[in-house]
Amino acid sequence: MKKSQTFVCVLSFLTGAGILLQWNLVWSGRFPVEESVPGFRNYFLSFQIADLWLILLAFMTGTFTLLKNPKALLFGIALGSAMVFFGLYALLYDLNTGLFFDFSTGELFGKFVTFYNILVGLVIMGLSWKDKRFIWN
């Protein structure tokens, strides 16, 4: 497996596991969702199904990359695209609500997640597309 494919595989599994861990912490009450701006709690909790979709895409991307299955290309691009969409959406939400300029611990974590999604999503899409010749052979 090429280094770029290993990188995509690791990032995919890391992303899926990270999202799953976050929601387990939210559901168990260990990661409280505070109402930092009016409606934020409802906004945050509205992402449960969308994040489950990201988890599925992440694990499928990692699995198909490991198996050198051509479906890795499809799932890698779908995962990267969904991550970029989520990151850009969260970035604009933070700008519109003023949370972008809030540097509390919880908001710094949120900013990390936002920029992780944008950056890693672009990387996964780019590397998935770059390696399409290998996957299809």
N, C-alpha and C. Protein backbone atom coordinates (compact mmCIF):
# COMPACT_ATOMS: atom_id res chain seq x y z
N MET A 1 0.85 -1.18 0.00
CA MET A 1 0.00 0.00 0.00
C MET A 1 0.90 1.24 0.00
N LYS A 2 0.57 2.19 -0.84
CA LYS A 2 1.33 3.43 -0.93
C LYS A 2 1.13 4.26 0.34
N LYS A 3 2.09 5.17 0.59
CA LYS A 3 2.01 6.03 1.77
C LYS A 3 0.74 6.86 1.78
N SER A 4 0.36 7.36 0.63
CA SER A 4 -0.84 8.20 0.57
C SER A 4 -2.09 7.38 0.89
N GLN A 5 -2.12 6.13 0.46
CA GLN A 5 -3.27 5.28 0.77
C GLN A 5 -3.30 4.93 2.26
N THR A 6 -2.13 4.69 2.83
CA THR A 6 -2.05 4.44 4.27
C THR A 6 -2.55 5.67 5.03
N PHE A 7 -2.16 6.84 4.57
CA PHE A 7 -2.57 8.10 5.20
C PHE A 7 -4.09 8.25 5.14
N VAL A 8 -4.68 7.99 3.97
CA VAL A 8 -6.13 8.07 3.82
C VAL A 8 -6.80 7.05 4.74
N CYS A 9 -6.28 5.86 4.79
CA CYS A 9 -6.84 4.80 5.62
C CYS A 9 -6.83 5.21 7.10
N VAL A 10 -5.67 5.69 7.57
CA VAL A 10 -5.54 6.10 8.98
C VAL A 10 -6.45 7.28 9.27
N LEU A 11 -6.45 8.29 8.41
CA LEU A 11 -7.31 9.46 8.63
C LEU A 11 -8.78 9.07 8.64
N SER A 12 -9.17 8.14 7.78
CA SER A 12 -10.56 7.71 7.71
C SER A 12 -10.99 7.04 9.01
N PHE A 13 -10.20 6.06 9.45
CA PHE A 13 -10.54 5.36 10.69
C PHE A 13 -10.48 6.31 11.90
N LEU A 14 -9.48 7.20 11.92
CA LEU A 14 -9.35 8.18 13.00
C LEU A 14 -10.57 9.10 13.04
N THR A 15 -11.01 9.54 11.88
CA THR A 15 -12.18 10.42 11.80
C THR A 15 -13.44 9.71 12.29
N GLY A 16 -13.68 8.51 11.78
CA GLY A 16 -14.86 7.76 12.21
C GLY A 16 -14.86 7.48 13.70
N ALA A 17 -13.71 7.04 14.22
CA ALA A 17 -13.61 6.73 15.64
C ALA A 17 -13.75 7.99 16.49
N GLY A 18 -13.19 9.10 16.02
CA GLY A 18 -13.28 10.36 16.76
C GLY A 18 -14.71 10.86 16.86
N ILE A 19 -15.44 10.80 15.77
CA ILE A 19 -16.84 11.24 15.79
C ILE A 19 -17.67 10.32 16.69
N LEU A 20 -17.43 9.03 16.58
CA LEU A 20 -18.14 8.06 17.42
C LEU A 20 -17.83 8.30 18.90
N LEU A 21 -16.58 8.56 19.21
CA LEU A 21 -16.20 8.86 20.60
C LEU A 21 -16.90 10.12 21.11
N GLN A 22 -16.89 11.16 20.28
CA GLN A 22 -17.54 12.41 20.69
C GLN A 22 -19.01 12.19 21.04
N TRP A 23 -19.74 11.47 20.18
CA TRP A 23 -21.16 11.27 20.44
C TRP A 23 -21.37 10.36 21.65
N ASN A 24 -20.50 9.40 21.86
CA ASN A 24 -20.61 8.59 23.07
C ASN A 24 -20.42 9.44 24.32
N LEU A 25 -19.49 10.39 24.25
CA LEU A 25 -19.28 11.29 25.39
C LEU A 25 -20.48 12.22 25.58
N VAL A 26 -21.08 12.68 24.48
CA VAL A 26 -22.27 13.54 24.58
C VAL A 26 -23.43 12.74 25.18
N TRP A 27 -23.68 11.53 24.64
CA TRP A 27 -24.81 10.73 25.10
C TRP A 27 -24.64 10.29 26.55
N SER A 28 -23.41 10.10 27.00
CA SER A 28 -23.17 9.67 28.39
C SER A 28 -23.13 10.84 29.36
N GLY A 29 -23.18 12.06 28.84
CA GLY A 29 -23.17 13.25 29.69
C GLY A 29 -21.78 13.73 30.06
N ARG A 30 -20.75 13.10 29.55
CA ARG A 30 -19.37 13.51 29.86
C ARG A 30 -18.90 14.68 29.02
N PHE A 31 -19.62 14.97 27.95
CA PHE A 31 -19.33 16.12 27.09
C PHE A 31 -20.59 16.96 27.03
N PRO A 32 -20.75 17.85 28.01
CA PRO A 32 -21.98 18.64 28.04
C PRO A 32 -22.03 19.65 26.88
N VAL A 33 -23.18 19.78 26.29
CA VAL A 33 -23.38 20.74 25.20
C VAL A 33 -24.03 21.97 25.80
N GLU A 34 -23.25 23.04 25.89
CA GLU A 34 -23.72 24.27 26.52
C GLU A 34 -24.41 25.17 25.50
N GLU A 35 -25.32 25.96 25.99
CA GLU A 35 -26.08 26.90 25.16
C GLU A 35 -25.25 28.19 25.05
N SER A 36 -24.19 28.17 24.25
CA SER A 36 -23.28 29.32 24.14
C SER A 36 -23.93 30.50 23.42
N VAL A 37 -24.81 30.23 22.50
CA VAL A 37 -25.66 31.24 21.86
C VAL A 37 -27.05 30.63 21.80
N PRO A 38 -28.09 31.46 21.74
CA PRO A 38 -29.45 30.90 21.70
C PRO A 38 -29.62 29.89 20.55
N GLY A 39 -30.09 28.71 20.90
CA GLY A 39 -30.35 27.67 19.92
C GLY A 39 -29.17 26.75 19.63
N PHE A 40 -28.01 27.01 20.25
CA PHE A 40 -26.82 26.23 19.93
C PHE A 40 -26.99 24.75 20.27
N ARG A 41 -27.58 24.48 21.42
CA ARG A 41 -27.74 23.08 21.83
C ARG A 41 -28.57 22.31 20.80
N ASN A 42 -29.67 22.89 20.33
CA ASN A 42 -30.48 22.24 19.30
C ASN A 42 -29.71 22.10 17.99
N TYR A 43 -28.93 23.13 17.64
CA TYR A 43 -28.10 23.08 16.44
C TYR A 43 -27.13 21.91 16.53
N PHE A 44 -26.42 21.82 17.65
CA PHE A 44 -25.41 20.77 17.84
C PHE A 44 -26.03 19.38 17.81
N LEU A 45 -27.11 19.21 18.53
CA LEU A 45 -27.74 17.89 18.61
C LEU A 45 -28.43 17.48 17.30
N SER A 46 -28.59 18.42 16.39
CA SER A 46 -29.20 18.11 15.09
C SER A 46 -28.25 17.37 14.17
N PHE A 47 -26.98 17.26 14.54
CA PHE A 47 -25.99 16.64 13.67
C PHE A 47 -25.82 15.14 13.92
N GLN A 48 -26.61 14.56 14.79
CA GLN A 48 -26.39 13.15 15.13
C GLN A 48 -26.49 12.23 13.92
N ILE A 49 -27.52 12.37 13.13
CA ILE A 49 -27.70 11.48 11.98
C ILE A 49 -26.66 11.79 10.90
N ALA A 50 -26.39 13.07 10.67
CA ALA A 50 -25.38 13.44 9.68
C ALA A 50 -24.01 12.90 10.10
N ASP A 51 -23.70 12.97 11.38
CA ASP A 51 -22.42 12.44 11.85
C ASP A 51 -22.37 10.92 11.75
N LEU A 52 -23.51 10.27 11.93
CA LEU A 52 -23.53 8.81 11.72
C LEU A 52 -23.22 8.48 10.25
N TRP A 53 -23.67 9.33 9.35
CA TRP A 53 -23.35 9.16 7.93
C TRP A 53 -21.84 9.32 7.71
N LEU A 54 -21.25 10.33 8.36
CA LEU A 54 -19.81 10.52 8.26
C LEU A 54 -19.05 9.31 8.82
N ILE A 55 -19.52 8.77 9.93
CA ILE A 55 -18.88 7.59 10.53
C ILE A 55 -18.93 6.43 9.54
N LEU A 56 -20.08 6.20 8.94
CA LEU A 56 -20.21 5.12 7.97
C LEU A 56 -19.26 5.33 6.79
N LEU A 57 -19.23 6.54 6.24
CA LEU A 57 -18.34 6.83 5.11
C LEU A 57 -16.88 6.64 5.52
N ALA A 58 -16.53 7.08 6.72
CA ALA A 58 -15.15 6.97 7.18
C ALA A 58 -14.71 5.51 7.29
N PHE A 59 -15.55 4.69 7.91
CA PHE A 59 -15.18 3.29 8.06
C PHE A 59 -15.20 2.54 6.72
N MET A 60 -16.10 2.92 5.83
CA MET A 60 -16.13 2.29 4.51
C MET A 60 -14.89 2.70 3.70
N THR A 61 -14.51 3.97 3.78
CA THR A 61 -13.30 4.43 3.09
C THR A 61 -12.08 3.68 3.59
N GLY A 62 -11.92 3.61 4.91
CA GLY A 62 -10.78 2.91 5.47
C GLY A 62 -10.76 1.44 5.11
N THR A 63 -11.91 0.80 5.20
CA THR A 63 -12.00 -0.63 4.90
C THR A 63 -11.70 -0.92 3.43
N PHE A 64 -12.32 -0.17 2.53
CA PHE A 64 -12.10 -0.41 1.10
C PHE A 64 -10.67 -0.05 0.68
N THR A 65 -10.07 0.92 1.36
CA THR A 65 -8.68 1.24 1.06
C THR A 65 -7.78 0.08 1.49
N LEU A 66 -8.03 -0.47 2.66
CA LEU A 66 -7.26 -1.63 3.13
C LEU A 66 -7.38 -2.81 2.18
N LEU A 67 -8.60 -3.00 1.68
CA LEU A 67 -8.87 -4.14 0.78
C LEU A 67 -8.45 -3.87 -0.67
N LYS A 68 -7.99 -2.64 -0.93
CA LYS A 68 -7.64 -2.22 -2.30
C LYS A 68 -8.81 -2.39 -3.24
N ASN A 69 -9.99 -2.13 -2.72
CA ASN A 69 -11.22 -2.24 -3.49
C ASN A 69 -11.47 -0.91 -4.21
N PRO A 70 -11.88 -0.93 -5.48
CA PRO A 70 -12.14 0.30 -6.23
C PRO A 70 -13.18 1.22 -5.57
N LYS A 71 -14.02 0.68 -4.72
CA LYS A 71 -15.02 1.51 -4.04
C LYS A 71 -14.36 2.52 -3.09
N ALA A 72 -13.09 2.33 -2.78
CA ALA A 72 -12.37 3.28 -1.93
C ALA A 72 -12.39 4.68 -2.54
N LEU A 73 -12.29 4.76 -3.85
CA LEU A 73 -12.33 6.06 -4.54
C LEU A 73 -13.66 6.76 -4.28
N LEU A 74 -14.75 6.06 -4.49
CA LEU A 74 -16.08 6.62 -4.29
C LEU A 74 -16.27 7.07 -2.83
N PHE A 75 -15.97 6.18 -1.90
CA PHE A 75 -16.19 6.51 -0.49
C PHE A 75 -15.22 7.59 0.00
N GLY A 76 -13.99 7.60 -0.51
CA GLY A 76 -13.04 8.63 -0.13
C GLY A 76 -13.49 10.01 -0.56
N ILE A 77 -13.97 10.10 -1.78
CA ILE A 77 -14.45 11.40 -2.27
C ILE A 77 -15.74 11.80 -1.54
N ALA A 78 -16.62 10.85 -1.29
CA ALA A 78 -17.85 11.16 -0.55
C ALA A 78 -17.53 11.61 0.88
N LEU A 79 -16.61 10.92 1.54
CA LEU A 79 -16.22 11.29 2.90
C LEU A 79 -15.59 12.67 2.92
N GLY A 80 -14.62 12.90 2.05
CA GLY A 80 -13.96 14.21 2.01
C GLY A 80 -14.93 15.34 1.72
N SER A 81 -15.82 15.11 0.79
CA SER A 81 -16.81 16.13 0.43
C SER A 81 -17.74 16.43 1.60
N ALA A 82 -18.20 15.39 2.28
CA ALA A 82 -19.09 15.59 3.43
C ALA A 82 -18.36 16.33 4.55
N MET A 83 -17.08 16.01 4.75
CA MET A 83 -16.31 16.69 5.79
C MET A 83 -16.11 18.17 5.47
N VAL A 84 -15.79 18.47 4.21
CA VAL A 84 -15.62 19.87 3.82
C VAL A 84 -16.94 20.62 3.97
N PHE A 85 -18.04 20.01 3.53
CA PHE A 85 -19.36 20.63 3.69
C PHE A 85 -19.62 20.95 5.16
N PHE A 86 -19.43 19.96 6.02
CA PHE A 86 -19.67 20.17 7.45
C PHE A 86 -18.77 21.27 8.00
N GLY A 87 -17.50 21.25 7.64
CA GLY A 87 -16.56 22.26 8.14
C GLY A 87 -16.92 23.67 7.69
N LEU A 88 -17.28 23.82 6.42
CA LEU A 88 -17.65 25.15 5.92
C LEU A 88 -18.95 25.63 6.55
N TYR A 89 -19.89 24.72 6.73
CA TYR A 89 -21.16 25.06 7.37
C TYR A 89 -20.91 25.53 8.81
N ALA A 90 -20.08 24.79 9.55
CA ALA A 90 -19.78 25.15 10.94
C ALA A 90 -19.01 26.48 11.00
N LEU A 91 -18.10 26.70 10.06
CA LEU A 91 -17.34 27.94 10.02
C LEU A 91 -18.27 29.14 9.82
N LEU A 92 -19.18 29.05 8.87
CA LEU A 92 -20.11 30.16 8.63
C LEU A 92 -21.05 30.35 9.80
N TYR A 93 -21.50 29.26 10.43
CA TYR A 93 -22.34 29.37 11.63
C TYR A 93 -21.59 30.13 12.72
N ASP A 94 -20.34 29.78 12.95
CA ASP A 94 -19.55 30.47 13.97
C ASP A 94 -19.36 31.94 13.64
N LEU A 95 -19.14 32.25 12.37
CA LEU A 95 -19.00 33.66 11.97
C LEU A 95 -20.31 34.41 12.16
N ASN A 96 -21.43 33.81 11.77
CA ASN A 96 -22.73 34.47 11.88
C ASN A 96 -23.18 34.68 13.32
N THR A 97 -22.79 33.78 14.21
CA THR A 97 -23.24 33.89 15.61
C THR A 97 -22.22 34.58 16.51
N GLY A 98 -21.05 34.87 16.00
CA GLY A 98 -20.00 35.49 16.80
C GLY A 98 -19.16 34.47 17.57
N LEU A 99 -19.49 33.18 17.47
CA LEU A 99 -18.71 32.16 18.17
C LEU A 99 -17.30 32.04 17.63
N PHE A 100 -17.07 32.51 16.42
CA PHE A 100 -15.74 32.44 15.83
C PHE A 100 -14.72 33.21 16.68
N PHE A 101 -15.20 34.24 17.37
CA PHE A 101 -14.32 35.08 18.17
C PHE A 101 -14.35 34.72 19.66
N ASP A 102 -14.98 33.60 19.99
CA ASP A 102 -15.03 33.09 21.36
C ASP A 102 -13.93 32.04 21.50
N PHE A 103 -12.99 32.29 22.40
CA PHE A 103 -11.85 31.40 22.54
C PHE A 103 -11.87 30.62 23.85
N SER A 104 -13.08 30.30 24.31
CA SER A 104 -13.20 29.44 25.48
C SER A 104 -12.77 28.03 25.10
N THR A 105 -12.54 27.20 26.09
CA THR A 105 -12.05 25.84 25.83
C THR A 105 -12.99 25.07 24.90
N GLY A 106 -14.29 25.12 25.18
CA GLY A 106 -15.26 24.40 24.35
C GLY A 106 -15.27 24.89 22.92
N GLU A 107 -15.17 26.19 22.75
CA GLU A 107 -15.18 26.75 21.40
C GLU A 107 -13.87 26.50 20.66
N LEU A 108 -12.76 26.44 21.39
CA LEU A 108 -11.49 26.07 20.74
C LEU A 108 -11.55 24.65 20.21
N PHE A 109 -12.19 23.76 20.99
CA PHE A 109 -12.37 22.38 20.51
C PHE A 109 -13.24 22.38 19.26
N GLY A 110 -14.30 23.18 19.27
CA GLY A 110 -15.17 23.29 18.09
C GLY A 110 -14.43 23.82 16.87
N LYS A 111 -13.56 24.80 17.08
CA LYS A 111 -12.77 25.34 15.97
C LYS A 111 -11.82 24.28 15.43
N PHE A 112 -11.22 23.49 16.33
CA PHE A 112 -10.34 22.41 15.89
C PHE A 112 -11.12 21.44 15.00
N VAL A 113 -12.32 21.05 15.45
CA VAL A 113 -13.15 20.12 14.68
C VAL A 113 -13.49 20.72 13.31
N THR A 114 -13.85 21.99 13.29
CA THR A 114 -14.19 22.66 12.04
C THR A 114 -13.03 22.64 11.06
N PHE A 115 -11.87 23.08 11.52
CA PHE A 115 -10.72 23.15 10.62
C PHE A 115 -10.17 21.76 10.28
N TYR A 116 -10.30 20.81 11.21
CA TYR A 116 -9.93 19.42 10.91
C TYR A 116 -10.78 18.91 9.75
N ASN A 117 -12.08 19.15 9.82
CA ASN A 117 -12.98 18.69 8.77
C ASN A 117 -12.64 19.30 7.42
N ILE A 118 -12.37 20.59 7.39
CA ILE A 118 -12.05 21.25 6.12
C ILE A 118 -10.72 20.71 5.57
N LEU A 119 -9.69 20.74 6.39
CA LEU A 119 -8.36 20.34 5.93
C LEU A 119 -8.29 18.85 5.59
N VAL A 120 -8.72 18.00 6.52
CA VAL A 120 -8.64 16.56 6.30
C VAL A 120 -9.59 16.13 5.18
N GLY A 121 -10.75 16.75 5.09
CA GLY A 121 -11.66 16.44 3.99
C GLY A 121 -11.03 16.71 2.64
N LEU A 122 -10.34 17.86 2.50
CA LEU A 122 -9.65 18.18 1.25
C LEU A 122 -8.52 17.19 0.98
N VAL A 123 -7.80 16.82 2.03
CA VAL A 123 -6.69 15.86 1.87
C VAL A 123 -7.22 14.50 1.42
N ILE A 124 -8.27 14.03 2.08
CA ILE A 124 -8.84 12.72 1.72
C ILE A 124 -9.35 12.73 0.28
N MET A 125 -10.05 13.79 -0.11
CA MET A 125 -10.53 13.87 -1.50
C MET A 125 -9.35 13.90 -2.47
N GLY A 126 -8.37 14.73 -2.18
CA GLY A 126 -7.23 14.87 -3.08
C GLY A 126 -6.44 13.58 -3.22
N LEU A 127 -6.14 12.94 -2.09
CA LEU A 127 -5.36 11.70 -2.15
C LEU A 127 -6.17 10.55 -2.74
N SER A 128 -7.47 10.52 -2.48
CA SER A 128 -8.30 9.48 -3.08
C SER A 128 -8.30 9.61 -4.59
N TRP A 129 -8.42 10.82 -5.08
CA TRP A 129 -8.42 11.05 -6.52
C TRP A 129 -7.04 10.78 -7.11
N LYS A 130 -6.02 11.21 -6.40
CA LYS A 130 -4.64 11.01 -6.87
C LYS A 130 -4.33 9.53 -7.06
N ASP A 131 -4.83 8.70 -6.16
CA ASP A 131 -4.52 7.27 -6.19
C ASP A 131 -5.52 6.46 -6.99
N LYS A 132 -6.36 7.09 -7.77
CA LYS A 132 -7.40 6.35 -8.51
C LYS A 132 -6.81 5.33 -9.47
N ARG A 133 -5.65 5.63 -10.05
CA ARG A 133 -5.03 4.68 -11.00
C ARG A 133 -4.65 3.39 -10.27
N PHE A 134 -4.10 3.52 -9.05
CA PHE A 134 -3.70 2.35 -8.28
C PHE A 134 -4.92 1.53 -7.88
N ILE A 135 -5.95 2.21 -7.43
CA ILE A 135 -7.15 1.51 -6.95
C ILE A 135 -7.83 0.77 -8.10
N TRP A 136 -7.83 1.35 -9.27
CA TRP A 136 -8.54 0.73 -10.38
C TRP A 136 -7.75 -0.40 -11.04
N ASN A 137 -6.48 -0.53 -10.70
CA ASN A 137 -5.67 -1.60 -11.30
C ASN A 137 -5.72 -2.85 -10.46
